[in-house]
PDB file of N, CA and C in Angstrom:
ATOM      1  N   MET A   1     -14.352  16.310 -31.969  1.00  0.00           N
ATOM      2  CA  MET A   1     -13.924  17.240 -33.037  1.00  0.00           C
ATOM      3  C   MET A   1     -14.797  18.446 -33.055  1.00  0.00           C
ATOM      4  N   GLU A   2     -16.233  18.142 -33.385  1.00  0.00           N
ATOM      5  CA  GLU A   2     -17.511  19.021 -33.458  1.00  0.00           C
ATOM      6  C   GLU A   2     -17.269  20.079 -32.602  1.00  0.00           C
ATOM      7  N   ASP A   3     -17.103  19.717 -31.337  1.00  0.00           N
ATOM      8  CA  ASP A   3     -17.170  21.010 -30.362  1.00  0.00           C
ATOM      9  C   ASP A   3     -15.981  21.883 -30.284  1.00  0.00           C
ATOM     10  N   GLU A   4     -14.747  21.429 -30.972  1.00  0.00           N
ATOM     11  CA  GLU A   4     -13.482  21.860 -31.177  1.00  0.00           C
ATOM     12  C   GLU A   4     -13.976  23.136 -32.440  1.00  0.00           C
ATOM     13  N   TYR A   5     -14.550  22.556 -33.130  1.00  0.00           N
ATOM     14  CA  TYR A   5     -14.457  23.218 -34.435  1.00  0.00           C
ATOM     15  C   TYR A   5     -15.830  24.576 -34.316  1.00  0.00           C
ATOM     16  N   ASN A   6     -16.759  24.192 -33.331  1.00  0.00           N
ATOM     17  CA  ASN A   6     -17.488  25.488 -33.155  1.00  0.00           C
ATOM     18  C   ASN A   6     -16.766  26.073 -32.220  1.00  0.00           C
ATOM     19  N   ASN A   7     -15.899  25.985 -31.228  1.00  0.00           N
ATOM     20  CA  ASN A   7     -15.499  26.654 -30.476  1.00  0.00           C
ATOM     21  C   ASN A   7     -14.290  27.501 -31.308  1.00  0.00           C
ATOM     22  N   LEU A   8     -13.454  27.206 -31.827  1.00  0.00           N
ATOM     23  CA  LEU A   8     -12.559  27.755 -32.754  1.00  0.00           C
ATOM     24  C   LEU A   8     -13.273  28.774 -33.430  1.00  0.00           C
ATOM     25  N   ILE A   9     -14.472  28.310 -34.402  1.00  0.00           N
ATOM     26  CA  ILE A   9     -14.618  29.175 -35.453  1.00  0.00           C
ATOM     27  C   ILE A   9     -15.427  30.135 -34.653  1.00  0.00           C
ATOM     28  N   ASN A  10     -16.162  30.324 -33.643  1.00  0.00           N
ATOM     29  CA  ASN A  10     -16.947  31.121 -32.680  1.00  0.00           C
ATOM     30  C   ASN A  10     -16.166  32.373 -32.226  1.00  0.00           C
ATOM     31  N   LYS A  11     -14.485  32.009 -32.258  1.00  0.00           N
ATOM     32  CA  LYS A  11     -14.128  33.379 -31.738  1.00  0.00           C
ATOM     33  C   LYS A  11     -14.113  33.966 -32.914  1.00  0.00           C
ATOM     34  N   ILE A  12     -14.374  34.044 -33.911  1.00  0.00           N
ATOM     35  CA  ILE A  12     -13.751  34.895 -35.209  1.00  0.00           C
ATOM     36  C   ILE A  12     -15.562  35.700 -35.343  1.00  0.00           C
ATOM     37  N   PRO A  13     -15.431  36.828 -35.282  1.00  0.00           N
ATOM     38  CA  PRO A  13     -17.160  37.608 -35.172  1.00  0.00           C
ATOM     39  C   PRO A  13     -17.161  37.950 -36.653  1.00  0.00           C
ATOM     40  N   PRO A  14     -18.753  37.854 -36.835  1.00  0.00           N
ATOM     41  CA  PRO A  14     -18.720  38.151 -38.311  1.00  0.00           C
ATOM     42  C   PRO A  14     -18.583  39.464 -38.380  1.00  0.00           C
ATOM     43  N   GLY A  15     -18.449  39.374 -40.000  1.00  0.00           N
ATOM     44  CA  GLY A  15     -17.596  40.941 -40.510  1.00  0.00           C
ATOM     45  C   GLY A  15     -16.239  40.966 -40.620  1.00  0.00           C
ATOM     46  N   THR A  16     -15.171  41.961 -40.764  1.00  0.00           N
ATOM     47  CA  THR A  16     -13.770  41.746 -40.542  1.00  0.00           C
ATOM     48  C   THR A  16     -13.047  41.879 -39.566  1.00  0.00           C
ATOM     49  N   SER A  17     -12.096  41.301 -38.894  1.00  0.00           N
ATOM     50  CA  SER A  17     -11.499  41.702 -37.959  1.00  0.00           C
ATOM     51  C   SER A  17      -9.910  41.398 -38.505  1.00  0.00           C
ATOM     52  N   LYS A  18      -8.875  41.785 -37.460  1.00  0.00           N
ATOM     53  CA  LYS A  18      -7.785  41.672 -37.583  1.00  0.00           C
ATOM     54  C   LYS A  18      -7.287  40.585 -36.497  1.00  0.00           C
ATOM     55  N   ALA A  19      -6.303  39.579 -37.134  1.00  0.00           N
ATOM     56  CA  ALA A  19      -5.608  38.490 -36.065  1.00  0.00           C
ATOM     57  C   ALA A  19      -4.170  38.466 -36.164  1.00  0.00           C
ATOM     58  N   ARG A  20      -4.006  37.438 -35.230  1.00  0.00           N
ATOM     59  CA  ARG A  20      -2.420  37.040 -35.452  1.00  0.00           C
ATOM     60  C   ARG A  20      -2.207  35.328 -35.625  1.00  0.00           C
ATOM     61  N   ALA A  21      -1.613  35.048 -36.437  1.00  0.00           N
ATOM     62  CA  ALA A  21      -1.793  33.308 -36.517  1.00  0.00           C
ATOM     63  C   ALA A  21       0.045  33.269 -37.041  1.00  0.00           C
ATOM     64  N   PHE A  22       0.647  32.152 -36.462  1.00  0.00           N
ATOM     65  CA  PHE A  22       1.985  32.111 -37.045  1.00  0.00           C
ATOM     66  C   PHE A  22       3.001  33.023 -36.962  1.00  0.00           C
ATOM     67  N   GLY A  23       2.654  34.268 -36.188  1.00  0.00           N
ATOM     68  CA  GLY A  23       3.683  35.600 -36.322  1.00  0.00           C
ATOM     69  C   GLY A  23       3.190  36.084 -36.883  1.00  0.00           C
ATOM     70  N   ARG A  24       2.376  36.403 -38.171  1.00  0.00           N
ATOM     71  CA  ARG A  24       1.800  37.091 -38.935  1.00  0.00           C
ATOM     72  C   ARG A  24       0.482  37.519 -38.668  1.00  0.00           C
ATOM     73  N   THR A  25       0.471  38.771 -39.352  1.00  0.00           N
ATOM     74  CA  THR A  25      -1.257  39.166 -39.165  1.00  0.00           C
ATOM     75  C   THR A  25      -2.182  39.484 -40.169  1.00  0.00           C
ATOM     76  N   TYR A  26      -3.560  38.749 -40.302  1.00  0.00           N
ATOM     77  CA  TYR A  26      -4.264  38.563 -41.088  1.00  0.00           C
ATOM     78  C   TYR A  26      -5.335  39.694 -40.910  1.00  0.00           C
ATOM     79  N   SER A  27      -5.977  39.855 -41.695  1.00  0.00           N
ATOM     80  CA  SER A  27      -7.381  40.557 -41.714  1.00  0.00           C
ATOM     81  C   SER A  27      -8.330  38.977 -42.592  1.00  0.00           C
ATOM     82  N   VAL A  28      -9.193  39.001 -41.237  1.00  0.00           N
ATOM     83  CA  VAL A  28     -10.050  37.753 -41.375  1.00  0.00           C
ATOM     84  C   VAL A  28     -11.662  38.132 -41.589  1.00  0.00           C
ATOM     85  N   SER A  29     -12.318  37.694 -42.616  1.00  0.00           N
ATOM     86  CA  SER A  29     -13.266  38.279 -42.919  1.00  0.00           C
ATOM     87  C   SER A  29     -14.170  36.849 -42.295  1.00  0.00           C
ATOM     88  N   ARG A  30     -15.600  36.946 -41.872  1.00  0.00           N
ATOM     89  CA  ARG A  30     -16.588  35.946 -41.749  1.00  0.00           C
ATOM     90  C   ARG A  30     -17.782  36.303 -42.333  1.00  0.00           C
ATOM     91  N   SER A  31     -18.163  35.455 -42.947  1.00  0.00           N
ATOM     92  CA  SER A  31     -20.049  35.687 -43.497  1.00  0.00           C
ATOM     93  C   SER A  31     -20.456  34.481 -42.790  1.00  0.00           C
ATOM     94  N   ASP A  32     -21.612  34.718 -42.417  1.00  0.00           N
ATOM     95  CA  ASP A  32     -22.536  33.686 -41.756  1.00  0.00           C
ATOM     96  C   ASP A  32     -24.238  33.823 -43.073  1.00  0.00           C
ATOM     97  N   PHE A  33     -24.635  32.506 -43.153  1.00  0.00           N
ATOM     98  CA  PHE A  33     -25.443  32.347 -44.451  1.00  0.00           C
ATOM     99  C   PHE A  33     -26.646  31.200 -43.372  1.00  0.00           C
ATOM    100  N   ASN A  34     -27.599  31.253 -44.105  1.00  0.00           N
ATOM    101  CA  ASN A  34     -28.764  30.216 -43.617  1.00  0.00           C
ATOM    102  C   ASN A  34     -28.777  30.262 -41.850  1.00  0.00           C
ATOM    103  N   ALA A  35     -29.388  31.316 -41.433  1.00  0.00           N
ATOM    104  CA  ALA A  35     -29.318  31.386 -40.274  1.00  0.00           C
ATOM    105  C   ALA A  35     -28.392  31.056 -39.311  1.00  0.00           C
ATOM    106  N   GLY A  36     -27.038  31.095 -40.155  1.00  0.00           N
ATOM    107  CA  GLY A  36     -25.399  30.796 -39.033  1.00  0.00           C
ATOM    108  C   GLY A  36     -25.179  29.303 -39.193  1.00  0.00           C
ATOM    109  N   ASN A  37     -26.222  28.680 -39.863  1.00  0.00           N
ATOM    110  CA  ASN A  37     -25.901  27.309 -40.280  1.00  0.00           C
ATOM    111  C   ASN A  37     -24.865  26.946 -41.417  1.00  0.00           C
ATOM    112  N   SER A  38     -24.352  27.968 -42.339  1.00  0.00           N
ATOM    113  CA  SER A  38     -23.161  28.147 -43.212  1.00  0.00           C
ATOM    114  C   SER A  38     -22.705  29.178 -42.967  1.00  0.00           C
ATOM    115  N   ILE A  39     -21.159  28.893 -42.854  1.00  0.00           N
ATOM    116  CA  ILE A  39     -20.258  30.228 -42.557  1.00  0.00           C
ATOM    117  C   ILE A  39     -19.175  30.265 -43.531  1.00  0.00           C
ATOM    118  N   LYS A  40     -18.527  30.720 -43.696  1.00  0.00           N
ATOM    119  CA  LYS A  40     -17.415  31.515 -44.851  1.00  0.00           C
ATOM    120  C   LYS A  40     -16.478  31.745 -44.238  1.00  0.00           C
ATOM    121  N   VAL A  41     -15.286  31.734 -44.307  1.00  0.00           N
ATOM    122  CA  VAL A  41     -14.100  32.432 -43.516  1.00  0.00           C
ATOM    123  C   VAL A  41     -13.124  32.529 -44.621  1.00  0.00           C
ATOM    124  N   TYR A  42     -12.635  33.858 -44.908  1.00  0.00           N
ATOM    125  CA  TYR A  42     -11.414  34.333 -45.185  1.00  0.00           C
ATOM    126  C   TYR A  42     -10.477  35.183 -44.878  1.00  0.00           C
ATOM    127  N   ALA A  43      -9.075  34.685 -44.678  1.00  0.00           N
ATOM    128  CA  ALA A  43      -7.799  35.029 -43.890  1.00  0.00           C
ATOM    129  C   ALA A  43      -6.824  35.500 -45.005  1.00  0.00           C
ATOM    130  N   GLU A  44      -6.469  36.389 -45.195  1.00  0.00           N
ATOM    131  CA  GLU A  44      -5.686  37.096 -45.785  1.00  0.00           C
ATOM    132  C   GLU A  44      -4.415  37.772 -45.210  1.00  0.00           C
ATOM    133  N   GLU A  45      -3.070  37.128 -45.112  1.00  0.00           N
ATOM    134  CA  GLU A  45      -1.532  37.729 -44.632  1.00  0.00           C
ATOM    135  C   GLU A  45      -1.692  39.190 -44.958  1.00  0.00           C
ATOM    136  N   LEU A  46      -1.576  39.902 -43.866  1.00  0.00           N
ATOM    137  CA  LEU A  46      -1.596  41.392 -44.435  1.00  0.00           C
ATOM    138  C   LEU A  46       0.300  41.522 -44.666  1.00  0.00           C
ATOM    139  N   GLY A  47       0.473  42.208 -45.980  1.00  0.00           N
ATOM    140  CA  GLY A  47       1.549  42.665 -46.364  1.00  0.00           C
ATOM    141  C   GLY A  47       2.547  41.184 -46.613  1.00  0.00           C
ATOM    142  N   GLY A  48       1.732  40.233 -46.687  1.00  0.00           N
ATOM    143  CA  GLY A  48       2.290  38.872 -47.625  1.00  0.00           C
ATOM    144  C   GLY A  48       1.098  37.974 -48.092  1.00  0.00           C
ATOM    145  N   THR A  49       1.620  36.729 -48.612  1.00  0.00           N
ATOM    146  CA  THR A  49       0.995  35.954 -49.385  1.00  0.00           C
ATOM    147  C   THR A  49       0.037  34.750 -49.478  1.00  0.00           C
ATOM    148  N   ASP A  50       0.134  34.794 -47.959  1.00  0.00           N
ATOM    149  CA  ASP A  50      -0.741  33.474 -47.204  1.00  0.00           C
ATOM    150  C   ASP A  50      -2.307  33.837 -47.225  1.00  0.00           C
ATOM    151  N   PHE A  51      -3.337  32.699 -47.064  1.00  0.00           N
ATOM    152  CA  PHE A  51      -4.225  33.053 -47.070  1.00  0.00           C
ATOM    153  C   PHE A  51      -4.915  31.761 -46.933  1.00  0.00           C
ATOM    154  N   ILE A  52      -5.949  31.864 -45.924  1.00  0.00           N
ATOM    155  CA  ILE A  52      -6.703  30.560 -45.178  1.00  0.00           C
ATOM    156  C   ILE A  52      -8.542  30.917 -45.941  1.00  0.00           C
ATOM    157  N   SER A  53      -8.873  29.923 -46.617  1.00  0.00           N
ATOM    158  CA  SER A  53     -10.106  30.154 -46.995  1.00  0.00           C
ATOM    159  C   SER A  53     -10.785  28.759 -46.557  1.00  0.00           C
ATOM    160  N   PHE A  54     -12.010  28.602 -45.731  1.00  0.00           N
ATOM    161  CA  PHE A  54     -12.814  27.439 -45.714  1.00  0.00           C
ATOM    162  C   PHE A  54     -14.279  27.758 -45.377  1.00  0.00           C
ATOM    163  N   ASN A  55     -15.354  26.833 -45.858  1.00  0.00           N
ATOM    164  CA  ASN A  55     -16.679  26.957 -45.452  1.00  0.00           C
ATOM    165  C   ASN A  55     -17.054  26.034 -44.126  1.00  0.00           C
ATOM    166  N   TYR A  56     -17.794  26.379 -43.582  1.00  0.00           N
ATOM    167  CA  TYR A  56     -18.454  25.368 -42.442  1.00  0.00           C
ATOM    168  C   TYR A  56     -19.811  25.131 -42.385  1.00  0.00           C
ATOM    169  N   TYR A  57     -20.267  23.850 -42.036  1.00  0.00           N
ATOM    170  CA  TYR A  57     -21.489  24.032 -42.296  1.00  0.00           C
ATOM    171  C   TYR A  57     -22.381  22.833 -40.985  1.00  0.00           C
ATOM    172  N   ILE A  58     -23.467  23.464 -40.633  1.00  0.00           N
ATOM    173  CA  ILE A  58     -24.293  22.496 -39.690  1.00  0.00           C
ATOM    174  C   ILE A  58     -25.245  22.435 -40.213  1.00  0.00           C
ATOM    175  N   THR A  59     -24.924  20.577 -39.839  1.00  0.00           N
ATOM    176  CA  THR A  59     -26.259  19.919 -40.515  1.00  0.00           C
ATOM    177  C   THR A  59     -27.225  19.473 -38.945  1.00  0.00           C
ATOM    178  N   GLN A  60     -27.815  18.893 -39.152  1.00  0.00           N
ATOM    179  CA  GLN A  60     -29.068  18.405 -38.086  1.00  0.00           C
ATOM    180  C   GLN A  60     -28.216  17.138 -37.618  1.00  0.00           C
ATOM    181  N   SER A  61     -27.469  16.259 -38.440  1.00  0.00           N
ATOM    182  CA  SER A  61     -26.840  15.140 -38.329  1.00  0.00           C
ATOM    183  C   SER A  61     -25.210  15.651 -37.962  1.00  0.00           C
ATOM    184  N   ALA A  62     -24.615  16.409 -38.234  1.00  0.00           N
ATOM    185  CA  ALA A  62     -22.949  16.878 -38.158  1.00  0.00           C
ATOM    186  C   ALA A  62     -22.487  17.994 -38.514  1.00  0.00           C
ATOM    187  N   THR A  63     -21.581  18.075 -38.418  1.00  0.00           N
ATOM    188  CA  THR A  63     -20.821  19.602 -38.924  1.00  0.00           C
ATOM    189  C   THR A  63     -19.695  19.184 -39.657  1.00  0.00           C
ATOM    190  N   LEU A  64     -19.715  20.022 -40.432  1.00  0.00           N
ATOM    191  CA  LEU A  64     -18.173  20.092 -41.975  1.00  0.00           C
ATOM    192  C   LEU A  64     -17.853  20.842 -42.162  1.00  0.00           C
ATOM    193  N   LEU A  65     -16.521  20.715 -42.135  1.00  0.00           N
ATOM    194  CA  LEU A  65     -15.559  21.653 -42.185  1.00  0.00           C
ATOM    195  C   LEU A  65     -14.996  21.310 -43.637  1.00  0.00           C
ATOM    196  N   LYS A  66     -15.046  22.419 -44.601  1.00  0.00           N
ATOM    197  CA  LYS A  66     -14.776  22.039 -45.999  1.00  0.00           C
ATOM    198  C   LYS A  66     -13.318  23.142 -46.485  1.00  0.00           C
ATOM    199  N   PRO A  67     -12.377  22.851 -46.349  1.00  0.00           N
ATOM    200  CA  PRO A  67     -11.269  23.796 -46.581  1.00  0.00           C
ATOM    201  C   PRO A  67     -11.091  24.075 -48.512  1.00  0.00           C
ATOM    202  N   CYS A  68     -11.027  25.073 -48.632  1.00  0.00           N
ATOM    203  CA  CYS A  68     -10.861  25.655 -49.931  1.00  0.00           C
ATOM    204  C   CYS A  68      -9.451  25.552 -50.491  1.00  0.00           C
ATOM    205  N   GLU A  69      -9.506  24.633 -51.105  1.00  0.00           N
ATOM    206  CA  GLU A  69      -7.969  24.190 -52.116  1.00  0.00           C
ATOM    207  C   GLU A  69      -6.657  24.223 -51.222  1.00  0.00           C
ATOM    208  N   MET A  70      -6.988  23.693 -49.902  1.00  0.00           N
ATOM    209  CA  MET A  70      -5.850  23.850 -49.082  1.00  0.00           C
ATOM    210  C   MET A  70      -5.632  22.253 -48.040  1.00  0.00           C
ATOM    211  N   PRO A  71      -5.024  22.258 -47.157  1.00  0.00           N
ATOM    212  CA  PRO A  71      -5.294  20.825 -46.282  1.00  0.00           C
ATOM    213  C   PRO A  71      -5.893  21.362 -44.856  1.00  0.00           C
ATOM    214  N   GLN A  72      -7.097  20.473 -44.531  1.00  0.00           N
ATOM    215  CA  GLN A  72      -7.557  20.650 -43.391  1.00  0.00           C
ATOM    216  C   GLN A  72      -6.384  21.224 -42.436  1.00  0.00           C
ATOM    217  N   ASP A  73      -5.513  20.231 -42.202  1.00  0.00           N
ATOM    218  CA  ASP A  73      -4.322  20.611 -41.133  1.00  0.00           C
ATOM    219  C   ASP A  73      -4.385  21.994 -41.353  1.00  0.00           C
ATOM    220  N   LYS A  74      -3.959  22.798 -42.174  1.00  0.00           N
ATOM    221  CA  LYS A  74      -3.291  24.223 -42.442  1.00  0.00           C
ATOM    222  C   LYS A  74      -4.569  25.030 -42.067  1.00  0.00           C
ATOM    223  N   VAL A  75      -6.005  24.597 -41.876  1.00  0.00           N
ATOM    224  CA  VAL A  75      -7.141  25.554 -41.574  1.00  0.00           C
ATOM    225  C   VAL A  75      -7.232  25.433 -40.121  1.00  0.00           C
ATOM    226  N   MET A  76      -6.896  23.979 -39.404  1.00  0.00           N
ATOM    227  CA  MET A  76      -7.414  23.605 -38.054  1.00  0.00           C
ATOM    228  C   MET A  76      -5.885  24.329 -37.217  1.00  0.00           C
ATOM    229  N   GLY A  77      -4.571  24.713 -38.009  1.00  0.00           N
ATOM    230  CA  GLY A  77      -3.519  25.029 -37.187  1.00  0.00           C
ATOM    231  C   GLY A  77      -3.834  26.663 -37.306  1.00  0.00           C
ATOM    232  N   PHE A  78      -4.447  27.149 -38.396  1.00  0.00           N
ATOM    233  CA  PHE A  78      -4.922  28.530 -38.102  1.00  0.00           C
ATOM    234  C   PHE A  78      -5.473  28.948 -37.260  1.00  0.00           C
ATOM    235  N   LEU A  79      -6.993  28.093 -37.316  1.00  0.00           N
ATOM    236  CA  LEU A  79      -7.708  28.011 -36.126  1.00  0.00           C
ATOM    237  C   LEU A  79      -7.538  28.291 -34.975  1.00  0.00           C
ATOM    238  N   ARG A  80      -6.248  27.168 -34.405  1.00  0.00           N
ATOM    239  CA  ARG A  80      -5.363  26.800 -33.171  1.00  0.00           C
ATOM    240  C   ARG A  80      -4.579  28.254 -32.910  1.00  0.00           C
ATOM    241  N   GLU A  81      -4.615  28.674 -33.840  1.00  0.00           N
ATOM    242  CA  GLU A  81      -3.223  30.013 -33.739  1.00  0.00           C
ATOM    243  C   GLU A  81      -3.955  31.127 -33.207  1.00  0.00           C
ATOM    244  N   LEU A  82      -5.079  31.340 -33.943  1.00  0.00           N
ATOM    245  CA  LEU A  82      -5.575  32.518 -34.283  1.00  0.00           C
ATOM    246  C   LEU A  82      -5.700  33.391 -32.847  1.00  0.00           C
ATOM    247  N   GLU A  83      -5.371  34.554 -33.019  1.00  0.00           N
ATOM    248  CA  GLU A  83      -5.795  36.081 -31.826  1.00  0.00           C
ATOM    249  C   GLU A  83      -5.838  36.885 -32.436  1.00  0.00           C
ATOM    250  N   LEU A  84      -7.442  37.485 -31.812  1.00  0.00           N
ATOM    251  CA  LEU A  84      -7.721  38.537 -32.109  1.00  0.00           C
ATOM    252  C   LEU A  84      -7.222  39.954 -31.676  1.00  0.00           C
ATOM    253  N   ILE A  85      -7.013  40.862 -32.841  1.00  0.00           N
ATOM    254  CA  ILE A  85      -6.119  42.126 -32.431  1.00  0.00           C
ATOM    255  C   ILE A  85      -7.533  43.395 -31.974  1.00  0.00           C
ATOM    256  N   ALA A  86      -7.416  43.425 -30.926  1.00  0.00           N
ATOM    257  CA  ALA A  86      -8.438  44.461 -30.644  1.00  0.00           C
ATOM    258  C   ALA A  86      -8.202  45.719 -31.539  1.00  0.00           C
ATOM    259  N   ASP A  87      -9.261  46.097 -32.123  1.00  0.00           N
ATOM    260  CA  ASP A  87      -8.895  47.953 -32.556  1.00  0.00           C
ATOM    261  C   ASP A  87      -8.753  48.679 -31.464  1.00  0.00           C
ATOM    262  N   LYS A  88      -8.036  49.578 -31.524  1.00  0.00           N
ATOM    263  CA  LYS A  88      -7.603  50.886 -30.298  1.00  0.00           C
ATOM    264  C   LYS A  88      -8.294  52.112 -30.999  1.00  0.00           C
ATOM    265  N   ASP A  89      -8.941  52.524 -30.156  1.00  0.00           N
ATOM    266  CA  ASP A  89      -9.902  53.696 -30.260  1.00  0.00           C
ATOM    267  C   ASP A  89      -9.389  55.007 -30.028  1.00  0.00           C
TER     268      ASP A  89
END
């Protein structure tokens, strides 16, 4: 599961991006702290009420996915569905 967390979370670039998941569009913000060992992700549905929020910690012995007031299944479903939307110049 650790590798899956890393792969899914690292699809999200630091800063703010647009993405699609579950047929909806989200604004996704990723902030990295502690030399990339702590990651905060917050996604808000554009024009809707859904949101996703979690912290991800990388320690010497493990990785920890900590959803913020929502089930871990919701976070994992979002990460698996996530498709970034490229900005058009």
